[in-house]
């Protein structure tokens, strides 16, 4: 089976995790320290995508459906 991520992308994630553990990984605009594991992975994959490495596209966000009010349905 083919790899989902390239080896270079996996290496990026590994480096991001080490930086997070050391407390030197910072988020984009705000420059705040990254504490969550998920955010560290997201940053690494984003950087890998920007460099043109083999990384799957971001998942599309699901649209919320409008719920009808129960009160109006009873009347």
PDB file of N, CA and C in Angstrom:
ATOM      1  N   UNK A   1       0.831  -1.186   0.000  1.00  0.00           N
ATOM      2  CA  UNK A   1       0.000   0.000   0.000  1.00  0.00           C
ATOM      3  C   UNK A   1       0.878   1.254   0.000  1.00  0.00           C
ATOM      4  N   UNK A   2       0.454   2.256  -0.726  1.00  0.00           N
ATOM      5  CA  UNK A   2       1.233   3.495  -0.841  1.00  0.00           C
ATOM      6  C   UNK A   2       1.186   4.297   0.466  1.00  0.00           C
ATOM      7  N   UNK A   3       2.243   5.060   0.670  1.00  0.00           N
ATOM      8  CA  UNK A   3       2.305   5.910   1.872  1.00  0.00           C
ATOM      9  C   UNK A   3       1.313   7.059   1.750  1.00  0.00           C
ATOM     10  N   UNK A   4       0.685   7.404   2.868  1.00  0.00           N
ATOM     11  CA  UNK A   4      -0.254   8.520   2.880  1.00  0.00           C
ATOM     12  C   UNK A   4       0.512   9.848   2.908  1.00  0.00           C
ATOM     13  N   UNK A   5       1.601   9.875   3.666  1.00  0.00           N
ATOM     14  CA  UNK A   5       2.448  11.059   3.773  1.00  0.00           C
ATOM     15  C   UNK A   5       3.852  10.703   3.301  1.00  0.00           C
ATOM     16  N   UNK A   6       4.573  11.663   2.756  1.00  0.00           N
ATOM     17  CA  UNK A   6       5.945  11.415   2.324  1.00  0.00           C
ATOM     18  C   UNK A   6       6.859  11.311   3.550  1.00  0.00           C
ATOM     19  N   UNK A   7       8.051  10.771   3.351  1.00  0.00           N
ATOM     20  CA  UNK A   7       9.006  10.637   4.453  1.00  0.00           C
ATOM     21  C   UNK A   7       9.427  12.002   4.971  1.00  0.00           C
ATOM     22  N   UNK A   8       9.566  12.947   4.058  1.00  0.00           N
ATOM     23  CA  UNK A   8       9.965  14.313   4.449  1.00  0.00           C
ATOM     24  C   UNK A   8       8.877  14.971   5.300  1.00  0.00           C
ATOM     25  N   UNK A   9       7.612  14.704   4.956  1.00  0.00           N
ATOM     26  CA  UNK A   9       6.500  15.269   5.733  1.00  0.00           C
ATOM     27  C   UNK A   9       6.499  14.669   7.135  1.00  0.00           C
ATOM     28  N   UNK A  10       6.780  13.366   7.216  1.00  0.00           N
ATOM     29  CA  UNK A  10       6.840  12.697   8.518  1.00  0.00           C
ATOM     30  C   UNK A  10       7.983  13.270   9.360  1.00  0.00           C
ATOM     31  N   UNK A  11       9.091  13.574   8.706  1.00  0.00           N
ATOM     32  CA  UNK A  11      10.237  14.162   9.409  1.00  0.00           C
ATOM     33  C   UNK A  11       9.875  15.544   9.941  1.00  0.00           C
ATOM     34  N   UNK A  12       9.102  16.305   9.163  1.00  0.00           N
ATOM     35  CA  UNK A  12       8.659  17.646   9.590  1.00  0.00           C
ATOM     36  C   UNK A  12       7.834  17.539  10.863  1.00  0.00           C
ATOM     37  N   UNK A  13       6.930  16.533  10.888  1.00  0.00           N
ATOM     38  CA  UNK A  13       6.072  16.332  12.064  1.00  0.00           C
ATOM     39  C   UNK A  13       6.933  15.971  13.269  1.00  0.00           C
ATOM     40  N   UNK A  14       7.921  15.124  13.063  1.00  0.00           N
ATOM     41  CA  UNK A  14       8.829  14.740  14.152  1.00  0.00           C
ATOM     42  C   UNK A  14       9.569  15.930  14.730  1.00  0.00           C
ATOM     43  N   UNK A  15      10.053  16.796  13.853  1.00  0.00           N
ATOM     44  CA  UNK A  15      10.769  18.001  14.309  1.00  0.00           C
ATOM     45  C   UNK A  15       9.829  18.940  15.059  1.00  0.00           C
ATOM     46  N   UNK A  16       8.597  19.063  14.561  1.00  0.00           N
ATOM     47  CA  UNK A  16       7.622  19.938  15.224  1.00  0.00           C
ATOM     48  C   UNK A  16       7.304  19.428  16.622  1.00  0.00           C
ATOM     49  N   UNK A  17       7.229  18.108  16.768  1.00  0.00           N
ATOM     50  CA  UNK A  17       6.947  17.522  18.079  1.00  0.00           C
ATOM     51  C   UNK A  17       8.088  17.800  19.067  1.00  0.00           C
ATOM     52  N   UNK A  18       9.317  17.712  18.572  1.00  0.00           N
ATOM     53  CA  UNK A  18      10.471  17.998  19.438  1.00  0.00           C
ATOM     54  C   UNK A  18      10.468  19.458  19.866  1.00  0.00           C
ATOM     55  N   UNK A  19      10.137  20.348  18.916  1.00  0.00           N
ATOM     56  CA  UNK A  19      10.080  21.779  19.234  1.00  0.00           C
ATOM     57  C   UNK A  19       8.976  22.062  20.249  1.00  0.00           C
ATOM     58  N   UNK A  20       7.844  21.371  20.097  1.00  0.00           N
ATOM     59  CA  UNK A  20       6.726  21.559  21.024  1.00  0.00           C
ATOM     60  C   UNK A  20       7.133  21.129  22.427  1.00  0.00           C
ATOM     61  N   UNK A  21       7.806  19.993  22.513  1.00  0.00           N
ATOM     62  CA  UNK A  21       8.260  19.486  23.810  1.00  0.00           C
ATOM     63  C   UNK A  21       9.236  20.456  24.471  1.00  0.00           C
ATOM     64  N   UNK A  22      10.102  21.043  23.649  1.00  0.00           N
ATOM     65  CA  UNK A  22      11.099  21.990  24.165  1.00  0.00           C
ATOM     66  C   UNK A  22      10.472  23.345  24.484  1.00  0.00           C
ATOM     67  N   UNK A  23       9.260  23.588  23.956  1.00  0.00           N
ATOM     68  CA  UNK A  23       8.570  24.846  24.210  1.00  0.00           C
ATOM     69  C   UNK A  23       8.977  25.958  23.274  1.00  0.00           C
ATOM     70  N   UNK A  24       9.538  25.601  22.113  1.00  0.00           N
ATOM     71  CA  UNK A  24       9.979  26.634  21.169  1.00  0.00           C
ATOM     72  C   UNK A  24       9.098  26.717  19.922  1.00  0.00           C
ATOM     73  N   UNK A  25       8.106  25.814  19.806  1.00  0.00           N
ATOM     74  CA  UNK A  25       7.214  25.854  18.644  1.00  0.00           C
ATOM     75  C   UNK A  25       6.176  26.946  18.851  1.00  0.00           C
ATOM     76  N   UNK A  26       6.065  27.837  17.856  1.00  0.00           N
ATOM     77  CA  UNK A  26       5.127  28.951  17.974  1.00  0.00           C
ATOM     78  C   UNK A  26       4.149  28.945  16.815  1.00  0.00           C
ATOM     79  N   UNK A  27       2.940  29.433  17.085  1.00  0.00           N
ATOM     80  CA  UNK A  27       1.913  29.480  16.042  1.00  0.00           C
ATOM     81  C   UNK A  27       2.143  30.677  15.136  1.00  0.00           C
ATOM     82  N   UNK A  28       1.468  30.676  14.014  1.00  0.00           N
ATOM     83  CA  UNK A  28       1.663  31.667  12.960  1.00  0.00           C
ATOM     84  C   UNK A  28       1.620  33.121  13.348  1.00  0.00           C
ATOM     85  N   UNK A  29       0.452  33.731  13.245  1.00  0.00           N
ATOM     86  CA  UNK A  29       0.356  35.187  13.439  1.00  0.00           C
ATOM     87  C   UNK A  29       0.615  35.635  14.857  1.00  0.00           C
ATOM     88  N   UNK A  30      -0.043  34.958  15.809  1.00  0.00           N
ATOM     89  CA  UNK A  30       0.054  35.425  17.192  1.00  0.00           C
ATOM     90  C   UNK A  30       1.431  35.169  17.800  1.00  0.00           C
ATOM     91  N   UNK A  31       2.106  34.114  17.340  1.00  0.00           N
ATOM     92  CA  UNK A  31       3.431  33.799  17.868  1.00  0.00           C
ATOM     93  C   UNK A  31       3.391  33.179  19.244  1.00  0.00           C
ATOM     94  N   UNK A  32       2.201  32.684  19.655  1.00  0.00           N
ATOM     95  CA  UNK A  32       2.072  32.051  20.961  1.00  0.00           C
ATOM     96  C   UNK A  32       2.687  30.656  20.933  1.00  0.00           C
ATOM     97  N   UNK A  33       3.114  30.192  22.105  1.00  0.00           N
ATOM     98  CA  UNK A  33       3.692  28.850  22.207  1.00  0.00           C
ATOM     99  C   UNK A  33       2.595  27.823  21.973  1.00  0.00           C
ATOM    100  N   UNK A  34       2.926  26.795  21.210  1.00  0.00           N
ATOM    101  CA  UNK A  34       1.974  25.727  20.921  1.00  0.00           C
ATOM    102  C   UNK A  34       2.088  24.681  22.012  1.00  0.00           C
ATOM    103  N   UNK A  35       0.947  24.340  22.629  1.00  0.00           N
ATOM    104  CA  UNK A  35       0.940  23.353  23.698  1.00  0.00           C
ATOM    105  C   UNK A  35       0.273  22.058  23.250  1.00  0.00           C
ATOM    106  N   UNK A  36      -0.685  22.141  22.334  1.00  0.00           N
ATOM    107  CA  UNK A  36      -1.421  20.941  21.947  1.00  0.00           C
ATOM    108  C   UNK A  36      -0.703  20.155  20.863  1.00  0.00           C
ATOM    109  N   UNK A  37      -0.820  18.836  20.974  1.00  0.00           N
ATOM    110  CA  UNK A  37      -0.190  17.908  20.040  1.00  0.00           C
ATOM    111  C   UNK A  37      -0.802  18.052  18.646  1.00  0.00           C
ATOM    112  N   UNK A  38      -2.127  18.174  18.609  1.00  0.00           N
ATOM    113  CA  UNK A  38      -2.842  18.296  17.332  1.00  0.00           C
ATOM    114  C   UNK A  38      -2.411  19.540  16.571  1.00  0.00           C
ATOM    115  N   UNK A  39      -2.234  20.635  17.283  1.00  0.00           N
ATOM    116  CA  UNK A  39      -1.845  21.875  16.639  1.00  0.00           C
ATOM    117  C   UNK A  39      -0.426  21.780  16.087  1.00  0.00           C
ATOM    118  N   UNK A  40       0.449  21.080  16.807  1.00  0.00           N
ATOM    119  CA  UNK A  40       1.827  20.894  16.344  1.00  0.00           C
ATOM    120  C   UNK A  40       1.837  20.102  15.039  1.00  0.00           C
ATOM    121  N   UNK A  41       1.013  19.055  14.969  1.00  0.00           N
ATOM    122  CA  UNK A  41       0.920  18.247  13.752  1.00  0.00           C
ATOM    123  C   UNK A  41       0.376  19.083  12.609  1.00  0.00           C
ATOM    124  N   UNK A  42      -0.650  19.868  12.884  1.00  0.00           N
ATOM    125  CA  UNK A  42      -1.264  20.714  11.861  1.00  0.00           C
ATOM    126  C   UNK A  42      -0.261  21.712  11.285  1.00  0.00           C
ATOM    127  N   UNK A  43       0.549  22.305  12.140  1.00  0.00           N
ATOM    128  CA  UNK A  43       1.559  23.268  11.696  1.00  0.00           C
ATOM    129  C   UNK A  43       2.582  22.582  10.800  1.00  0.00           C
ATOM    130  N   UNK A  44       3.043  21.405  11.216  1.00  0.00           N
ATOM    131  CA  UNK A  44       4.046  20.669  10.448  1.00  0.00           C
ATOM    132  C   UNK A  44       3.513  20.269   9.079  1.00  0.00           C
ATOM    133  N   UNK A  45       2.289  19.767   9.024  1.00  0.00           N
ATOM    134  CA  UNK A  45       1.711  19.344   7.748  1.00  0.00           C
ATOM    135  C   UNK A  45       1.456  20.540   6.837  1.00  0.00           C
ATOM    136  N   UNK A  46       1.080  21.658   7.430  1.00  0.00           N
ATOM    137  CA  UNK A  46       0.862  22.878   6.663  1.00  0.00           C
ATOM    138  C   UNK A  46       2.165  23.338   6.010  1.00  0.00           C
ATOM    139  N   UNK A  47       3.260  23.287   6.781  1.00  0.00           N
ATOM    140  CA  UNK A  47       4.574  23.670   6.250  1.00  0.00           C
ATOM    141  C   UNK A  47       5.008  22.709   5.146  1.00  0.00           C
ATOM    142  N   UNK A  48       4.730  21.411   5.343  1.00  0.00           N
ATOM    143  CA  UNK A  48       5.095  20.403   4.344  1.00  0.00           C
ATOM    144  C   UNK A  48       4.321  20.632   3.046  1.00  0.00           C
ATOM    145  N   UNK A  49       3.042  20.977   3.173  1.00  0.00           N
ATOM    146  CA  UNK A  49       2.213  21.272   1.993  1.00  0.00           C
ATOM    147  C   UNK A  49       2.777  22.452   1.227  1.00  0.00           C
ATOM    148  N   UNK A  50       3.185  23.474   1.976  1.00  0.00           N
ATOM    149  CA  UNK A  50       3.726  24.690   1.353  1.00  0.00           C
ATOM    150  C   UNK A  50       5.008  24.394   0.576  1.00  0.00           C
ATOM    151  N   UNK A  51       5.759  23.404   1.034  1.00  0.00           N
ATOM    152  CA  UNK A  51       7.004  23.025   0.353  1.00  0.00           C
ATOM    153  C   UNK A  51       6.751  22.046  -0.794  1.00  0.00           C
ATOM    154  N   UNK A  52       5.501  21.620  -0.956  1.00  0.00           N
ATOM    155  CA  UNK A  52       5.155  20.721  -2.060  1.00  0.00           C
ATOM    156  C   UNK A  52       5.366  19.253  -1.763  1.00  0.00           C
ATOM    157  N   UNK A  53       5.456  18.888  -0.490  1.00  0.00           N
ATOM    158  CA  UNK A  53       5.613  17.482  -0.116  1.00  0.00           C
ATOM    159  C   UNK A  53       4.282  16.749  -0.274  1.00  0.00           C
ATOM    160  N   UNK A  54       4.344  15.405  -0.282  1.00  0.00           N
ATOM    161  CA  UNK A  54       3.139  14.603  -0.456  1.00  0.00           C
ATOM    162  C   UNK A  54       2.368  14.540   0.866  1.00  0.00           C
ATOM    163  N   UNK A  55       1.305  15.341   0.955  1.00  0.00           N
ATOM    164  CA  UNK A  55       0.443  15.394   2.128  1.00  0.00           C
ATOM    165  C   UNK A  55      -0.984  15.522   1.620  1.00  0.00           C
ATOM    166  N   UNK A  56      -1.927  14.710   2.141  1.00  0.00           N
ATOM    167  CA  UNK A  56      -3.311  14.826   1.691  1.00  0.00           C
ATOM    168  C   UNK A  56      -3.882  16.215   1.963  1.00  0.00           C
ATOM    169  N   UNK A  57      -4.883  16.596   1.175  1.00  0.00           N
ATOM    170  CA  UNK A  57      -5.523  17.904   1.346  1.00  0.00           C
ATOM    171  C   UNK A  57      -6.254  17.966   2.675  1.00  0.00           C
ATOM    172  N   UNK A  58      -6.501  19.183   3.127  1.00  0.00           N
ATOM    173  CA  UNK A  58      -7.260  19.375   4.358  1.00  0.00           C
ATOM    174  C   UNK A  58      -8.669  18.845   4.153  1.00  0.00           C
ATOM    175  N   UNK A  59      -9.269  18.323   5.216  1.00  0.00           N
ATOM    176  CA  UNK A  59     -10.635  17.816   5.137  1.00  0.00           C
ATOM    177  C   UNK A  59     -11.598  18.994   5.000  1.00  0.00           C
ATOM    178  N   UNK A  60     -12.597  18.837   4.154  1.00  0.00           N
ATOM    179  CA  UNK A  60     -13.580  19.901   3.962  1.00  0.00           C
ATOM    180  C   UNK A  60     -14.473  19.997   5.188  1.00  0.00           C
ATOM    181  N   UNK A  61     -14.832  21.200   5.553  1.00  0.00           N
ATOM    182  CA  UNK A  61     -15.699  21.392   6.714  1.00  0.00           C
ATOM    183  C   UNK A  61     -17.141  21.045   6.348  1.00  0.00           C
ATOM    184  N   UNK A  62     -17.846  20.416   7.294  1.00  0.00           N
ATOM    185  CA  UNK A  62     -19.237  20.039   7.061  1.00  0.00           C
ATOM    186  C   UNK A  62     -20.141  21.256   7.273  1.00  0.00           C
ATOM    187  N   UNK A  63     -21.161  21.363   6.415  1.00  0.00           N
ATOM    188  CA  UNK A  63     -22.101  22.473   6.554  1.00  0.00           C
ATOM    189  C   UNK A  63     -23.161  22.104   7.575  1.00  0.00           C
ATOM    190  N   UNK A  64     -23.535  23.053   8.381  1.00  0.00           N
ATOM    191  CA  UNK A  64     -24.584  22.822   9.381  1.00  0.00           C
ATOM    192  C   UNK A  64     -25.945  23.007   8.720  1.00  0.00           C
ATOM    193  N   UNK A  65     -26.870  22.123   9.043  1.00  0.00           N
ATOM    194  CA  UNK A  65     -28.222  22.248   8.514  1.00  0.00           C
ATOM    195  C   UNK A  65     -29.075  23.022   9.505  1.00  0.00           C
ATOM    196  N   UNK A  66     -29.987  23.811   8.979  1.00  0.00           N
ATOM    197  CA  UNK A  66     -30.851  24.611   9.835  1.00  0.00           C
ATOM    198  C   UNK A  66     -31.885  23.706  10.498  1.00  0.00           C
ATOM    199  N   UNK A  67     -32.003  23.820  11.814  1.00  0.00           N
ATOM    200  CA  UNK A  67     -32.977  23.012  12.554  1.00  0.00           C
ATOM    201  C   UNK A  67     -34.254  23.821  12.738  1.00  0.00           C
ATOM    202  N   UNK A  68     -35.383  23.150  12.543  1.00  0.00           N
ATOM    203  CA  UNK A  68     -36.671  23.819  12.738  1.00  0.00           C
ATOM    204  C   UNK A  68     -36.985  23.849  14.224  1.00  0.00           C
ATOM    205  N   UNK A  69     -37.596  24.928  14.635  1.00  0.00           N
ATOM    206  CA  UNK A  69     -37.958  25.085  16.037  1.00  0.00           C
ATOM    207  C   UNK A  69     -39.090  24.127  16.396  1.00  0.00           C
ATOM    208  N   UNK A  70     -38.998  23.467  17.549  1.00  0.00           N
ATOM    209  CA  UNK A  70     -40.031  22.515  17.978  1.00  0.00           C
ATOM    210  C   UNK A  70     -41.319  23.247  18.339  1.00  0.00           C
ATOM    211  N   UNK A  71     -41.192  24.461  18.839  1.00  0.00           N
ATOM    212  CA  UNK A  71     -42.371  25.234  19.236  1.00  0.00           C
ATOM    213  C   UNK A  71     -43.255  25.531  18.042  1.00  0.00           C
ATOM    214  N   UNK A  72     -42.679  25.912  16.932  1.00  0.00           N
ATOM    215  CA  UNK A  72     -43.447  26.233  15.740  1.00  0.00           C
ATOM    216  C   UNK A  72     -44.116  24.997  15.148  1.00  0.00           C
ATOM    217  N   UNK A  73     -43.511  23.856  15.304  1.00  0.00           N
ATOM    218  CA  UNK A  73     -44.057  22.616  14.774  1.00  0.00           C
ATOM    219  C   UNK A  73     -45.292  22.180  15.558  1.00  0.00           C
ATOM    220  N   UNK A  74     -45.349  22.490  16.858  1.00  0.00           N
ATOM    221  CA  UNK A  74     -46.499  22.102  17.699  1.00  0.00           C
ATOM    222  C   UNK A  74     -47.730  22.935  17.417  1.00  0.00           C
ATOM    223  N   UNK A  75     -47.564  24.188  17.039  1.00  0.00           N
ATOM    224  CA  UNK A  75     -48.692  25.099  16.828  1.00  0.00           C
ATOM    225  C   UNK A  75     -49.455  24.744  15.639  1.00  0.00           C
TER     226      UNK A  75
END
